[in-house]
C-alpha atoms as a PDB file:
ATOM      1  CA  MET A   1      20.049   4.226   6.358  1.00  0.00           C
ATOM      2  CA  ASP A   2      16.710   3.218   7.901  1.00  0.00           C
ATOM      3  CA  ASP A   3      14.866   0.284   6.440  1.00  0.00           C
ATOM      4  CA  THR A   4      11.875   1.035   4.288  1.00  0.00           C
ATOM      5  CA  VAL A   5       8.862  -1.213   4.683  1.00  0.00           C
ATOM      6  CA  LEU A   6       6.477  -2.433   2.028  1.00  0.00           C
ATOM      7  CA  TYR A   7       3.146  -3.035   3.740  1.00  0.00           C
ATOM      8  CA  ARG A   8       0.076  -4.888   2.563  1.00  0.00           C
ATOM      9  CA  TYR A   9      -3.327  -4.511   4.216  1.00  0.00           C
ATOM     10  CA  TYR A  10      -5.837  -7.368   3.915  1.00  0.00           C
ATOM     11  CA  ASP A  11      -9.459  -7.687   4.961  1.00  0.00           C
ATOM     12  CA  ARG A  12     -10.907 -10.606   6.956  1.00  0.00           C
ATOM     13  CA  ASN A  13     -11.357 -12.650   3.780  1.00  0.00           C
ATOM     14  CA  GLY A  14      -7.762 -12.204   2.661  1.00  0.00           C
ATOM     15  CA  VAL A  15      -8.623  -9.633  -0.004  1.00  0.00           C
ATOM     16  CA  LEU A  16      -5.723  -7.248  -0.611  1.00  0.00           C
ATOM     17  CA  LEU A  17      -6.932  -3.755   0.241  1.00  0.00           C
ATOM     18  CA  TYR A  18      -3.831  -1.612  -0.129  1.00  0.00           C
ATOM     19  CA  VAL A  19      -0.086  -1.743  -0.746  1.00  0.00           C
ATOM     20  CA  GLY A  20       2.261   1.050   0.293  1.00  0.00           C
ATOM     21  CA  ILE A  21       5.716   1.948   1.536  1.00  0.00           C
ATOM     22  CA  SER A  22       6.823   3.778   4.642  1.00  0.00           C
ATOM     23  CA  ASN A  23       9.740   4.319   6.989  1.00  0.00           C
ATOM     24  CA  ASN A  24       7.248   4.033   9.867  1.00  0.00           C
ATOM     25  CA  ALA A  25       4.530   1.463   9.184  1.00  0.00           C
ATOM     26  CA  LEU A  26       2.674   2.067  12.460  1.00  0.00           C
ATOM     27  CA  ARG A  27       2.440   5.804  11.863  1.00  0.00           C
ATOM     28  CA  ARG A  28       1.235   5.178   8.322  1.00  0.00           C
ATOM     29  CA  LEU A  29      -1.432   2.774   9.574  1.00  0.00           C
ATOM     30  CA  ASP A  30      -2.628   5.464  11.985  1.00  0.00           C
ATOM     31  CA  GLU A  31      -2.765   8.001   9.129  1.00  0.00           C
ATOM     32  CA  HIS A  32      -4.857   5.620   7.034  1.00  0.00           C
ATOM     33  CA  ALA A  33      -7.140   4.905  10.006  1.00  0.00           C
ATOM     34  CA  LYS A  34      -7.836   8.617  10.399  1.00  0.00           C
ATOM     35  CA  SER A  35      -8.404   9.410   6.729  1.00  0.00           C
ATOM     36  CA  LYS A  36      -9.638   6.345   4.823  1.00  0.00           C
ATOM     37  CA  THR A  37     -13.079   4.828   5.225  1.00  0.00           C
ATOM     38  CA  TRP A  38     -11.755   1.434   4.143  1.00  0.00           C
ATOM     39  CA  ALA A  39      -9.220   1.334   6.989  1.00  0.00           C
ATOM     40  CA  SER A  40     -11.807  -0.243   9.297  1.00  0.00           C
ATOM     41  CA  GLU A  41     -11.724  -3.295   7.009  1.00  0.00           C
ATOM     42  CA  ILE A  42      -8.032  -4.013   7.748  1.00  0.00           C
ATOM     43  CA  GLU A  43      -7.687  -7.352   9.489  1.00  0.00           C
ATOM     44  CA  THR A  44      -4.155  -8.471   8.569  1.00  0.00           C
ATOM     45  CA  ILE A  45      -0.977  -6.542   7.847  1.00  0.00           C
ATOM     46  CA  LYS A  46       2.075  -8.039   6.188  1.00  0.00           C
ATOM     47  CA  LEU A  47       5.400  -6.200   6.239  1.00  0.00           C
ATOM     48  CA  GLU A  48       8.440  -6.681   4.027  1.00  0.00           C
ATOM     49  CA  ARG A  49      11.654  -4.781   4.813  1.00  0.00           C
ATOM     50  CA  PHE A  50      14.043  -3.346   2.236  1.00  0.00           C
ATOM     51  CA  SER A  51      17.446  -1.768   2.772  1.00  0.00           C
ATOM     52  CA  SER A  52      16.818   0.927   0.160  1.00  0.00           C
ATOM     53  CA  ARG A  53      13.767   3.021  -0.659  1.00  0.00           C
ATOM     54  CA  GLU A  54      14.417   2.477  -4.370  1.00  0.00           C
ATOM     55  CA  ASP A  55      14.196  -1.316  -4.022  1.00  0.00           C
ATOM     56  CA  CYS A  56      11.067  -0.950  -1.920  1.00  0.00           C
ATOM     57  CA  PHE A  57       9.473   1.393  -4.461  1.00  0.00           C
ATOM     58  CA  ARG A  58      10.140  -1.100  -7.262  1.00  0.00           C
ATOM     59  CA  ALA A  59       8.618  -3.898  -5.171  1.00  0.00           C
ATOM     60  CA  GLU A  60       5.590  -1.713  -4.410  1.00  0.00           C
ATOM     61  CA  THR A  61       5.091  -0.942  -8.101  1.00  0.00           C
ATOM     62  CA  ARG A  62       5.281  -4.654  -8.989  1.00  0.00           C
ATOM     63  CA  ALA A  63       2.912  -5.599  -6.155  1.00  0.00           C
ATOM     64  CA  ILE A  64       0.306  -3.037  -7.190  1.00  0.00           C
ATOM     65  CA  LYS A  65       0.511  -4.033 -10.832  1.00  0.00           C
ATOM     66  CA  ASN A  66       0.470  -7.792 -10.192  1.00  0.00           C
ATOM     67  CA  GLU A  67      -1.671  -8.111  -7.054  1.00  0.00           C
ATOM     68  CA  ASN A  68      -4.348  -5.474  -7.829  1.00  0.00           C
ATOM     69  CA  PRO A  69      -5.101  -4.051  -4.376  1.00  0.00           C
ATOM     70  CA  ILE A  70      -8.568  -2.537  -4.469  1.00  0.00           C
ATOM     71  CA  HIS A  71      -7.698   0.861  -2.951  1.00  0.00           C
ATOM     72  CA  ASN A  72      -4.460   1.817  -4.757  1.00  0.00           C
ATOM     73  CA  ILE A  73      -6.166   4.253  -7.129  1.00  0.00           C
ATOM     74  CA  VAL A  74      -3.398   6.861  -7.505  1.00  0.00           C
ATOM     75  CA  ARG A  75      -0.632   4.362  -8.195  1.00  0.00           C
ATOM     76  CA  ALA A  76      -2.805   2.611 -10.765  1.00  0.00           C
ATOM     77  CA  ARG A  77      -3.133   5.909 -12.626  1.00  0.00           C
ATOM     78  CA  ARG A  78       0.632   6.430 -12.521  1.00  0.00           C
ATOM     79  CA  LEU A  79       1.031   2.970 -14.006  1.00  0.00           C
ATOM     80  CA  GLY A  80      -1.375   3.923 -16.795  1.00  0.00           C
ATOM     81  CA  GLU A  81      -4.115   1.548 -15.655  1.00  0.00           C
ATOM     82  CA  CYS A  82      -6.729   4.145 -14.743  1.00  0.00           C
ATOM     83  CA  ASP A  83      -7.440   7.520 -16.338  1.00  0.00           C
ATOM     84  CA  ASP A  84      -9.936   9.070 -13.941  1.00  0.00           C
ATOM     85  CA  ALA A  85      -8.428   8.188 -10.555  1.00  0.00           C
ATOM     86  CA  GLU A  86      -8.833  10.533  -7.651  1.00  0.00           C
ATOM     87  CA  MET A  87      -6.123  11.358  -5.180  1.00  0.00           C
ATOM     88  CA  ILE A  88      -6.169   9.213  -2.053  1.00  0.00           C
END
């Protein structure tokens, strides 16, 4: 099985912009760059590999809940933290 990566995007001041998971972190970065206005703010990327998607998903959920990335609107709604989130 391919490793799944938990990625964190930070701005130049170290502010956490976004947390996500992917089997191809570079492709996902390119997708964000093409579709998200905040992508131009990305200065640093940190990657964490997991051997299972389930473990990675749990780590992503914890990271979003505990680290409060400013652009994870949809996941926040799934976690019950935001009622009027829009799809990103």
